[in-house]
Amino acid sequence: MEFDWNEPPFELGSLTQREIEESFEDPFAVRLMPDTPRFGVQARFFNLGMSAGGIGIYSVYRTNGREVRVLLARPFAPEERFFYQRKMDQTLAP
């Protein structure tokens, strides 16, 4: 997966580009497509994933199938961490 980091439209803050990319590589990452008409013209997707260092990262991105353009990335809010953990537990349940 290639990432377009040319002039990111947001401040990285405490995150690094590598941590954000790692969150997309997380085998338990949750990817969602919003079902609102607001995103109908140019599809936006959400990714909830963990970096290799254990940082939960929420990202909004768009993709053309080859390249990912991250539009926003930030650490998980408490409810996002709960949602991610619940989805991971469901995946690992026997």
PDB file of N, CA and C in Angstrom:
ATOM      1  N   MET A   1       0.853  -1.169   0.000  1.00  0.00           N
ATOM      2  CA  MET A   1       0.000   0.000   0.000  1.00  0.00           C
ATOM      3  C   MET A   1       0.899   1.233   0.000  1.00  0.00           C
ATOM      4  N   GLU A   2       0.670   2.122  -0.945  1.00  0.00           N
ATOM      5  CA  GLU A   2       1.427   3.363  -1.044  1.00  0.00           C
ATOM      6  C   GLU A   2       0.650   4.493  -0.387  1.00  0.00           C
ATOM      7  N   PHE A   3       1.370   5.401   0.251  1.00  0.00           N
ATOM      8  CA  PHE A   3       0.750   6.540   0.911  1.00  0.00           C
ATOM      9  C   PHE A   3       1.202   7.831   0.247  1.00  0.00           C
ATOM     10  N   ASP A   4       0.279   8.757   0.089  1.00  0.00           N
ATOM     11  CA  ASP A   4       0.572  10.083  -0.445  1.00  0.00           C
ATOM     12  C   ASP A   4       0.732  11.029   0.735  1.00  0.00           C
ATOM     13  N   TRP A   5       1.983  11.382   1.053  1.00  0.00           N
ATOM     14  CA  TRP A   5       2.247  12.289   2.163  1.00  0.00           C
ATOM     15  C   TRP A   5       2.627  13.676   1.666  1.00  0.00           C
ATOM     16  N   ASN A   6       2.316  13.982   0.412  1.00  0.00           N
ATOM     17  CA  ASN A   6       2.607  15.299  -0.143  1.00  0.00           C
ATOM     18  C   ASN A   6       1.686  16.330   0.495  1.00  0.00           C
ATOM     19  N   GLU A   7       2.229  17.197   1.308  1.00  0.00           N
ATOM     20  CA  GLU A   7       1.480  18.242   2.003  1.00  0.00           C
ATOM     21  C   GLU A   7       0.242  17.690   2.722  1.00  0.00           C
ATOM     22  N   PRO A   8       0.438  16.935   3.801  1.00  0.00           N
ATOM     23  CA  PRO A   8      -0.709  16.394   4.538  1.00  0.00           C
ATOM     24  C   PRO A   8      -1.661  17.513   4.959  1.00  0.00           C
ATOM     25  N   PRO A   9      -2.972  17.299   4.833  1.00  0.00           N
ATOM     26  CA  PRO A   9      -3.943  18.344   5.162  1.00  0.00           C
ATOM     27  C   PRO A   9      -4.249  18.463   6.657  1.00  0.00           C
ATOM     28  N   PHE A  10      -3.374  17.943   7.507  1.00  0.00           N
ATOM     29  CA  PHE A  10      -3.586  17.997   8.951  1.00  0.00           C
ATOM     30  C   PHE A  10      -2.228  17.999   9.637  1.00  0.00           C
ATOM     31  N   GLU A  11      -2.218  18.411  10.893  1.00  0.00           N
ATOM     32  CA  GLU A  11      -0.997  18.385  11.694  1.00  0.00           C
ATOM     33  C   GLU A  11      -0.818  16.991  12.272  1.00  0.00           C
ATOM     34  N   LEU A  12       0.377  16.431  12.187  1.00  0.00           N
ATOM     35  CA  LEU A  12       0.632  15.090  12.714  1.00  0.00           C
ATOM     36  C   LEU A  12       0.556  15.053  14.233  1.00  0.00           C
ATOM     37  N   GLY A  13       0.839  16.161  14.878  1.00  0.00           N
ATOM     38  CA  GLY A  13       0.790  16.188  16.339  1.00  0.00           C
ATOM     39  C   GLY A  13       1.792  15.208  16.924  1.00  0.00           C
ATOM     40  N   SER A  14       1.322  14.339  17.806  1.00  0.00           N
ATOM     41  CA  SER A  14       2.211  13.386  18.474  1.00  0.00           C
ATOM     42  C   SER A  14       2.464  12.132  17.629  1.00  0.00           C
ATOM     43  N   LEU A  15       1.782  11.999  16.492  1.00  0.00           N
ATOM     44  CA  LEU A  15       1.930  10.814  15.647  1.00  0.00           C
ATOM     45  C   LEU A  15       2.999  11.025  14.579  1.00  0.00           C
ATOM     46  N   THR A  16       3.555   9.924  14.106  1.00  0.00           N
ATOM     47  CA  THR A  16       4.478   9.979  12.976  1.00  0.00           C
ATOM     48  C   THR A  16       3.807   9.351  11.754  1.00  0.00           C
ATOM     49  N   GLN A  17       4.331   9.660  10.591  1.00  0.00           N
ATOM     50  CA  GLN A  17       3.794   9.045   9.376  1.00  0.00           C
ATOM     51  C   GLN A  17       3.903   7.527   9.457  1.00  0.00           C
ATOM     52  N   ARG A  18       5.009   7.039   9.976  1.00  0.00           N
ATOM     53  CA  ARG A  18       5.211   5.587  10.079  1.00  0.00           C
ATOM     54  C   ARG A  18       4.159   4.948  10.984  1.00  0.00           C
ATOM     55  N   GLU A  19       3.853   5.566  12.126  1.00  0.00           N
ATOM     56  CA  GLU A  19       2.829   5.023  13.027  1.00  0.00           C
ATOM     57  C   GLU A  19       1.468   4.956  12.335  1.00  0.00           C
ATOM     58  N   ILE A  20       1.151   5.991  11.567  1.00  0.00           N
ATOM     59  CA  ILE A  20      -0.123   6.007  10.842  1.00  0.00           C
ATOM     60  C   ILE A  20      -0.142   4.878   9.818  1.00  0.00           C
ATOM     61  N   GLU A  21       0.939   4.719   9.070  1.00  0.00           N
ATOM     62  CA  GLU A  21       1.014   3.631   8.088  1.00  0.00           C
ATOM     63  C   GLU A  21       0.897   2.267   8.766  1.00  0.00           C
ATOM     64  N   GLU A  22       1.536   2.111   9.922  1.00  0.00           N
ATOM     65  CA  GLU A  22       1.453   0.844  10.664  1.00  0.00           C
ATOM     66  C   GLU A  22       0.018   0.531  11.069  1.00  0.00           C
ATOM     67  N   SER A  23      -0.774   1.566  11.386  1.00  0.00           N
ATOM     68  CA  SER A  23      -2.157   1.321  11.793  1.00  0.00           C
ATOM     69  C   SER A  23      -2.978   0.733  10.645  1.00  0.00           C
ATOM     70  N   PHE A  24      -2.598   0.999   9.416  1.00  0.00           N
ATOM     71  CA  PHE A  24      -3.274   0.412   8.259  1.00  0.00           C
ATOM     72  C   PHE A  24      -2.828  -1.039   8.044  1.00  0.00           C
ATOM     73  N   GLU A  25      -1.647  -1.383   8.528  1.00  0.00           N
ATOM     74  CA  GLU A  25      -1.119  -2.741   8.392  1.00  0.00           C
ATOM     75  C   GLU A  25      -1.601  -3.670   9.500  1.00  0.00           C
ATOM     76  N   ASP A  26      -2.254  -3.125  10.512  1.00  0.00           N
ATOM     77  CA  ASP A  26      -2.760  -3.898  11.646  1.00  0.00           C
ATOM     78  C   ASP A  26      -3.734  -4.968  11.131  1.00  0.00           C
ATOM     79  N   PRO A  27      -3.473  -6.247  11.415  1.00  0.00           N
ATOM     80  CA  PRO A  27      -4.383  -7.298  10.928  1.00  0.00           C
ATOM     81  C   PRO A  27      -5.781  -7.213  11.548  1.00  0.00           C
ATOM     82  N   PHE A  28      -5.935  -6.503  12.651  1.00  0.00           N
ATOM     83  CA  PHE A  28      -7.236  -6.344  13.296  1.00  0.00           C
ATOM     84  C   PHE A  28      -7.863  -4.977  13.012  1.00  0.00           C
ATOM     85  N   ALA A  29      -7.260  -4.198  12.110  1.00  0.00           N
ATOM     86  CA  ALA A  29      -7.782  -2.866  11.797  1.00  0.00           C
ATOM     87  C   ALA A  29      -9.238  -2.966  11.343  1.00  0.00           C
ATOM     88  N   VAL A  30     -10.013  -1.994  11.742  1.00  0.00           N
ATOM     89  CA  VAL A  30     -11.425  -1.921  11.363  1.00  0.00           C
ATOM     90  C   VAL A  30     -11.535  -0.816  10.320  1.00  0.00           C
ATOM     91  N   ARG A  31     -12.004  -1.173   9.133  1.00  0.00           N
ATOM     92  CA  ARG A  31     -12.189  -0.198   8.062  1.00  0.00           C
ATOM     93  C   ARG A  31     -13.680  -0.045   7.791  1.00  0.00           C
ATOM     94  N   LEU A  32     -14.113   1.186   7.756  1.00  0.00           N
ATOM     95  CA  LEU A  32     -15.534   1.485   7.575  1.00  0.00           C
ATOM     96  C   LEU A  32     -15.714   2.513   6.467  1.00  0.00           C
ATOM     97  N   MET A  33     -16.830   2.392   5.761  1.00  0.00           N
ATOM     98  CA  MET A  33     -17.222   3.407   4.785  1.00  0.00           C
ATOM     99  C   MET A  33     -18.489   4.055   5.307  1.00  0.00           C
ATOM    100  N   PRO A  34     -18.490   5.378   5.450  1.00  0.00           N
ATOM    101  CA  PRO A  34     -19.681   6.044   5.968  1.00  0.00           C
ATOM    102  C   PRO A  34     -20.846   5.898   4.996  1.00  0.00           C
ATOM    103  N   ASP A  35     -22.046   5.827   5.538  1.00  0.00           N
ATOM    104  CA  ASP A  35     -23.227   5.655   4.705  1.00  0.00           C
ATOM    105  C   ASP A  35     -24.033   6.946   4.610  1.00  0.00           C
ATOM    106  N   THR A  36     -23.350   8.053   4.559  1.00  0.00           N
ATOM    107  CA  THR A  36     -24.013   9.339   4.473  1.00  0.00           C
ATOM    108  C   THR A  36     -23.800   9.958   3.085  1.00  0.00           C
ATOM    109  N   PRO A  37     -24.778  10.642   2.536  1.00  0.00           N
ATOM    110  CA  PRO A  37     -24.627  11.268   1.219  1.00  0.00           C
ATOM    111  C   PRO A  37     -23.524  12.323   1.175  1.00  0.00           C
ATOM    112  N   ARG A  38     -23.175  12.850   2.331  1.00  0.00           N
ATOM    113  CA  ARG A  38     -22.123  13.873   2.396  1.00  0.00           C
ATOM    114  C   ARG A  38     -20.825  13.384   1.757  1.00  0.00           C
ATOM    115  N   PHE A  39     -20.553  12.091   1.865  1.00  0.00           N
ATOM    116  CA  PHE A  39     -19.327  11.531   1.325  1.00  0.00           C
ATOM    117  C   PHE A  39     -19.544  10.855  -0.032  1.00  0.00           C
ATOM    118  N   GLY A  40     -20.708  11.034  -0.643  1.00  0.00           N
ATOM    119  CA  GLY A  40     -21.041  10.353  -1.891  1.00  0.00           C
ATOM    120  C   GLY A  40     -20.226  10.792  -3.090  1.00  0.00           C
ATOM    121  N   VAL A  41     -19.837  12.052  -3.150  1.00  0.00           N
ATOM    122  CA  VAL A  41     -19.105  12.568  -4.301  1.00  0.00           C
ATOM    123  C   VAL A  41     -17.703  11.983  -4.346  1.00  0.00           C
ATOM    124  N   GLN A  42     -17.003  12.053  -3.259  1.00  0.00           N
ATOM    125  CA  GLN A  42     -15.658  11.488  -3.173  1.00  0.00           C
ATOM    126  C   GLN A  42     -15.602  10.665  -1.888  1.00  0.00           C
ATOM    127  N   ALA A  43     -15.600   9.370  -2.054  1.00  0.00           N
ATOM    128  CA  ALA A  43     -15.700   8.465  -0.911  1.00  0.00           C
ATOM    129  C   ALA A  43     -14.565   8.675   0.083  1.00  0.00           C
ATOM    130  N   ARG A  44     -14.962   8.718   1.332  1.00  0.00           N
ATOM    131  CA  ARG A  44     -14.017   8.766   2.450  1.00  0.00           C
ATOM    132  C   ARG A  44     -14.209   7.494   3.251  1.00  0.00           C
ATOM    133  N   PHE A  45     -13.142   7.010   3.813  1.00  0.00           N
ATOM    134  CA  PHE A  45     -13.176   5.796   4.603  1.00  0.00           C
ATOM    135  C   PHE A  45     -12.575   6.088   5.964  1.00  0.00           C
ATOM    136  N   PHE A  46     -12.928   5.245   6.937  1.00  0.00           N
ATOM    137  CA  PHE A  46     -12.373   5.356   8.284  1.00  0.00           C
ATOM    138  C   PHE A  46     -11.542   4.118   8.569  1.00  0.00           C
ATOM    139  N   ASN A  47     -10.438   4.299   9.265  1.00  0.00           N
ATOM    140  CA  ASN A  47      -9.596   3.185   9.684  1.00  0.00           C
ATOM    141  C   ASN A  47      -9.328   3.330  11.171  1.00  0.00           C
ATOM    142  N   LEU A  48      -9.557   2.247  11.919  1.00  0.00           N
ATOM    143  CA  LEU A  48      -9.192   2.188  13.327  1.00  0.00           C
ATOM    144  C   LEU A  48      -8.166   1.074  13.439  1.00  0.00           C
ATOM    145  N   GLY A  49      -6.937   1.420  13.747  1.00  0.00           N
ATOM    146  CA  GLY A  49      -5.884   0.415  13.826  1.00  0.00           C
ATOM    147  C   GLY A  49      -4.832   0.799  14.840  1.00  0.00           C
ATOM    148  N   MET A  50      -4.012  -0.178  15.162  1.00  0.00           N
ATOM    149  CA  MET A  50      -2.941   0.022  16.146  1.00  0.00           C
ATOM    150  C   MET A  50      -1.591   0.100  15.436  1.00  0.00           C
ATOM    151  N   SER A  51      -0.730   0.980  15.917  1.00  0.00           N
ATOM    152  CA  SER A  51       0.638   1.027  15.420  1.00  0.00           C
ATOM    153  C   SER A  51       1.417  -0.126  16.053  1.00  0.00           C
ATOM    154  N   ALA A  52       2.603  -0.378  15.562  1.00  0.00           N
ATOM    155  CA  ALA A  52       3.437  -1.444  16.125  1.00  0.00           C
ATOM    156  C   ALA A  52       3.775  -1.154  17.589  1.00  0.00           C
ATOM    157  N   GLY A  53       3.783   0.102  17.963  1.00  0.00           N
ATOM    158  CA  GLY A  53       4.073   0.496  19.340  1.00  0.00           C
ATOM    159  C   GLY A  53       2.856   0.498  20.251  1.00  0.00           C
ATOM    160  N   GLY A  54       1.687   0.084  19.734  1.00  0.00           N
ATOM    161  CA  GLY A  54       0.491  -0.013  20.555  1.00  0.00           C
ATOM    162  C   GLY A  54      -0.340   1.255  20.639  1.00  0.00           C
ATOM    163  N   ILE A  55      -0.104   2.203  19.744  1.00  0.00           N
ATOM    164  CA  ILE A  55      -0.895   3.426  19.742  1.00  0.00           C
ATOM    165  C   ILE A  55      -2.117   3.206  18.858  1.00  0.00           C
ATOM    166  N   GLY A  56      -3.301   3.412  19.411  1.00  0.00           N
ATOM    167  CA  GLY A  56      -4.530   3.311  18.636  1.00  0.00           C
ATOM    168  C   GLY A  56      -4.706   4.572  17.810  1.00  0.00           C
ATOM    169  N   ILE A  57      -4.920   4.405  16.495  1.00  0.00           N
ATOM    170  CA  ILE A  57      -5.009   5.562  15.606  1.00  0.00           C
ATOM    171  C   ILE A  57      -6.300   5.506  14.796  1.00  0.00           C
ATOM    172  N   TYR A  58      -7.042   6.606  14.831  1.00  0.00           N
ATOM    173  CA  TYR A  58      -8.245   6.793  14.029  1.00  0.00           C
ATOM    174  C   TYR A  58      -7.840   7.636  12.825  1.00  0.00           C
ATOM    175  N   SER A  59      -8.149   7.154  11.615  1.00  0.00           N
ATOM    176  CA  SER A  59      -7.803   7.887  10.397  1.00  0.00           C
ATOM    177  C   SER A  59      -9.011   8.009   9.487  1.00  0.00           C
ATOM    178  N   VAL A  60      -9.077   9.123   8.802  1.00  0.00           N
ATOM    179  CA  VAL A  60     -10.015   9.324   7.704  1.00  0.00           C
ATOM    180  C   VAL A  60      -9.146   9.412   6.462  1.00  0.00           C
ATOM    181  N   TYR A  61      -9.528   8.662   5.426  1.00  0.00           N
ATOM    182  CA  TYR A  61      -8.684   8.626   4.233  1.00  0.00           C
ATOM    183  C   TYR A  61      -9.519   8.424   2.981  1.00  0.00           C
ATOM    184  N   ARG A  62      -8.884   8.634   1.856  1.00  0.00           N
ATOM    185  CA  ARG A  62      -9.476   8.277   0.577  1.00  0.00           C
ATOM    186  C   ARG A  62      -8.423   7.487  -0.194  1.00  0.00           C
ATOM    187  N   THR A  63      -8.876   6.713  -1.160  1.00  0.00           N
ATOM    188  CA  THR A  63      -7.956   5.888  -1.927  1.00  0.00           C
ATOM    189  C   THR A  63      -8.459   5.735  -3.354  1.00  0.00           C
ATOM    190  N   ASN A  64      -7.514   5.554  -4.257  1.00  0.00           N
ATOM    191  CA  ASN A  64      -7.865   5.279  -5.648  1.00  0.00           C
ATOM    192  C   ASN A  64      -7.602   3.806  -5.973  1.00  0.00           C
ATOM    193  N   GLY A  65      -7.356   3.013  -4.945  1.00  0.00           N
ATOM    194  CA  GLY A  65      -7.069   1.594  -5.125  1.00  0.00           C
ATOM    195  C   GLY A  65      -5.584   1.274  -5.113  1.00  0.00           C
ATOM    196  N   ARG A  66      -4.767   2.262  -5.387  1.00  0.00           N
ATOM    197  CA  ARG A  66      -3.309   2.071  -5.360  1.00  0.00           C
ATOM    198  C   ARG A  66      -2.657   2.905  -4.272  1.00  0.00           C
ATOM    199  N   GLU A  67      -3.178   4.102  -4.077  1.00  0.00           N
ATOM    200  CA  GLU A  67      -2.550   5.046  -3.172  1.00  0.00           C
ATOM    201  C   GLU A  67      -3.562   5.513  -2.133  1.00  0.00           C
ATOM    202  N   VAL A  68      -3.081   5.671  -0.905  1.00  0.00           N
ATOM    203  CA  VAL A  68      -3.917   6.134   0.202  1.00  0.00           C
ATOM    204  C   VAL A  68      -3.530   7.565   0.537  1.00  0.00           C
ATOM    205  N   ARG A  69      -4.522   8.413   0.643  1.00  0.00           N
ATOM    206  CA  ARG A  69      -4.314   9.800   1.060  1.00  0.00           C
ATOM    207  C   ARG A  69      -5.008   9.975   2.404  1.00  0.00           C
ATOM    208  N   VAL A  70      -4.219  10.116   3.461  1.00  0.00           N
ATOM    209  CA  VAL A  70      -4.769  10.295   4.803  1.00  0.00           C
ATOM    210  C   VAL A  70      -5.172  11.762   4.954  1.00  0.00           C
ATOM    211  N   LEU A  71      -6.428  11.978   5.302  1.00  0.00           N
ATOM    212  CA  LEU A  71      -6.971  13.328   5.440  1.00  0.00           C
ATOM    213  C   LEU A  71      -6.966  13.805   6.880  1.00  0.00           C
ATOM    214  N   LEU A  72      -6.990  12.853   7.817  1.00  0.00           N
ATOM    215  CA  LEU A  72      -6.972  13.167   9.241  1.00  0.00           C
ATOM    216  C   LEU A  72      -6.491  11.926   9.975  1.00  0.00           C
ATOM    217  N   ALA A  73      -5.667  12.109  10.966  1.00  0.00           N
ATOM    218  CA  ALA A  73      -5.253  10.999  11.830  1.00  0.00           C
ATOM    219  C   ALA A  73      -5.026  11.557  13.229  1.00  0.00           C
ATOM    220  N   ARG A  74      -5.491  10.773  14.214  1.00  0.00           N
ATOM    221  CA  ARG A  74      -5.322  11.174  15.615  1.00  0.00           C
ATOM    222  C   ARG A  74      -5.391   9.923  16.475  1.00  0.00           C
ATOM    223  N   PRO A  75      -4.889  10.013  17.705  1.00  0.00           N
ATOM    224  CA  PRO A  75      -5.014   8.861  18.613  1.00  0.00           C
ATOM    225  C   PRO A  75      -6.484   8.561  18.905  1.00  0.00           C
ATOM    226  N   PHE A  76      -6.753   7.298  19.238  1.00  0.00           N
ATOM    227  CA  PHE A  76      -8.114   6.869  19.583  1.00  0.00           C
ATOM    228  C   PHE A  76      -8.705   7.711  20.698  1.00  0.00           C
ATOM    229  N   ALA A  77      -9.997   7.973  20.596  1.00  0.00           N
ATOM    230  CA  ALA A  77     -10.795   8.460  21.724  1.00  0.00           C
ATOM    231  C   ALA A  77     -11.196   7.211  22.511  1.00  0.00           C
ATOM    232  N   PRO A  78     -11.598   7.331  23.772  1.00  0.00           N
ATOM    233  CA  PRO A  78     -11.947   6.147  24.572  1.00  0.00           C
ATOM    234  C   PRO A  78     -12.993   5.241  23.915  1.00  0.00           C
ATOM    235  N   GLU A  79     -14.030   5.816  23.296  1.00  0.00           N
ATOM    236  CA  GLU A  79     -15.060   4.976  22.678  1.00  0.00           C
ATOM    237  C   GLU A  79     -14.537   4.255  21.441  1.00  0.00           C
ATOM    238  N   GLU A  80     -13.587   4.841  20.747  1.00  0.00           N
ATOM    239  CA  GLU A  80     -12.974   4.167  19.583  1.00  0.00           C
ATOM    240  C   GLU A  80     -12.113   2.994  20.041  1.00  0.00           C
ATOM    241  N   ARG A  81     -11.399   3.185  21.138  1.00  0.00           N
ATOM    242  CA  ARG A  81     -10.599   2.089  21.682  1.00  0.00           C
ATOM    243  C   ARG A  81     -11.513   0.930  22.093  1.00  0.00           C
ATOM    244  N   PHE A  82     -12.640   1.251  22.725  1.00  0.00           N
ATOM    245  CA  PHE A  82     -13.601   0.231  23.131  1.00  0.00           C
ATOM    246  C   PHE A  82     -14.142  -0.514  21.905  1.00  0.00           C
ATOM    247  N   PHE A  83     -14.536   0.221  20.860  1.00  0.00           N
ATOM    248  CA  PHE A  83     -15.071  -0.372  19.640  1.00  0.00           C
ATOM    249  C   PHE A  83     -14.026  -1.282  18.983  1.00  0.00           C
ATOM    250  N   TYR A  84     -12.784  -0.798  18.881  1.00  0.00           N
ATOM    251  CA  TYR A  84     -11.693  -1.587  18.287  1.00  0.00           C
ATOM    252  C   TYR A  84     -11.485  -2.877  19.089  1.00  0.00           C
ATOM    253  N   GLN A  85     -11.420  -2.747  20.408  1.00  0.00           N
ATOM    254  CA  GLN A  85     -11.189  -3.919  21.260  1.00  0.00           C
ATOM    255  C   GLN A  85     -12.329  -4.925  21.134  1.00  0.00           C
ATOM    256  N   ARG A  86     -13.561  -4.435  21.095  1.00  0.00           N
ATOM    257  CA  ARG A  86     -14.711  -5.323  20.953  1.00  0.00           C
ATOM    258  C   ARG A  86     -14.654  -6.077  19.623  1.00  0.00           C
ATOM    259  N   LYS A  87     -14.322  -5.384  18.527  1.00  0.00           N
ATOM    260  CA  LYS A  87     -14.213  -6.035  17.217  1.00  0.00           C
ATOM    261  C   LYS A  87     -13.077  -7.064  17.205  1.00  0.00           C
ATOM    262  N   MET A  88     -11.955  -6.741  17.849  1.00  0.00           N
ATOM    263  CA  MET A  88     -10.840  -7.672  17.913  1.00  0.00           C
ATOM    264  C   MET A  88     -11.230  -8.908  18.727  1.00  0.00           C
ATOM    265  N   ASP A  89     -11.916  -8.713  19.848  1.00  0.00           N
ATOM    266  CA  ASP A  89     -12.362  -9.831  20.678  1.00  0.00           C
ATOM    267  C   ASP A  89     -13.316 -10.746  19.893  1.00  0.00           C
ATOM    268  N   GLN A  90     -14.216 -10.150  19.112  1.00  0.00           N
ATOM    269  CA  GLN A  90     -15.152 -10.937  18.290  1.00  0.00           C
ATOM    270  C   GLN A  90     -14.400 -11.752  17.243  1.00  0.00           C
ATOM    271  N   THR A  91     -13.365 -11.176  16.666  1.00  0.00           N
ATOM    272  CA  THR A  91     -12.578 -11.862  15.640  1.00  0.00           C
ATOM    273  C   THR A  91     -11.820 -13.042  16.250  1.00  0.00           C
ATOM    274  N   LEU A  92     -11.311 -12.866  17.462  1.00  0.00           N
ATOM    275  CA  LEU A  92     -10.503 -13.906  18.098  1.00  0.00           C
ATOM    276  C   LEU A  92     -11.322 -14.955  18.842  1.00  0.00           C
ATOM    277  N   ALA A  93     -12.607 -14.683  19.056  1.00  0.00           N
ATOM    278  CA  ALA A  93     -13.450 -15.628  19.798  1.00  0.00           C
ATOM    279  C   ALA A  93     -13.581 -16.947  19.023  1.00  0.00           C
ATOM    280  N   PRO A  94     -13.539 -18.078  19.757  1.00  0.00           N
ATOM    281  CA  PRO A  94     -13.637 -19.380  19.067  1.00  0.00           C
ATOM    282  C   PRO A  94     -15.001 -19.640  18.481  1.00  0.00           C
TER     283      PRO A  94
END
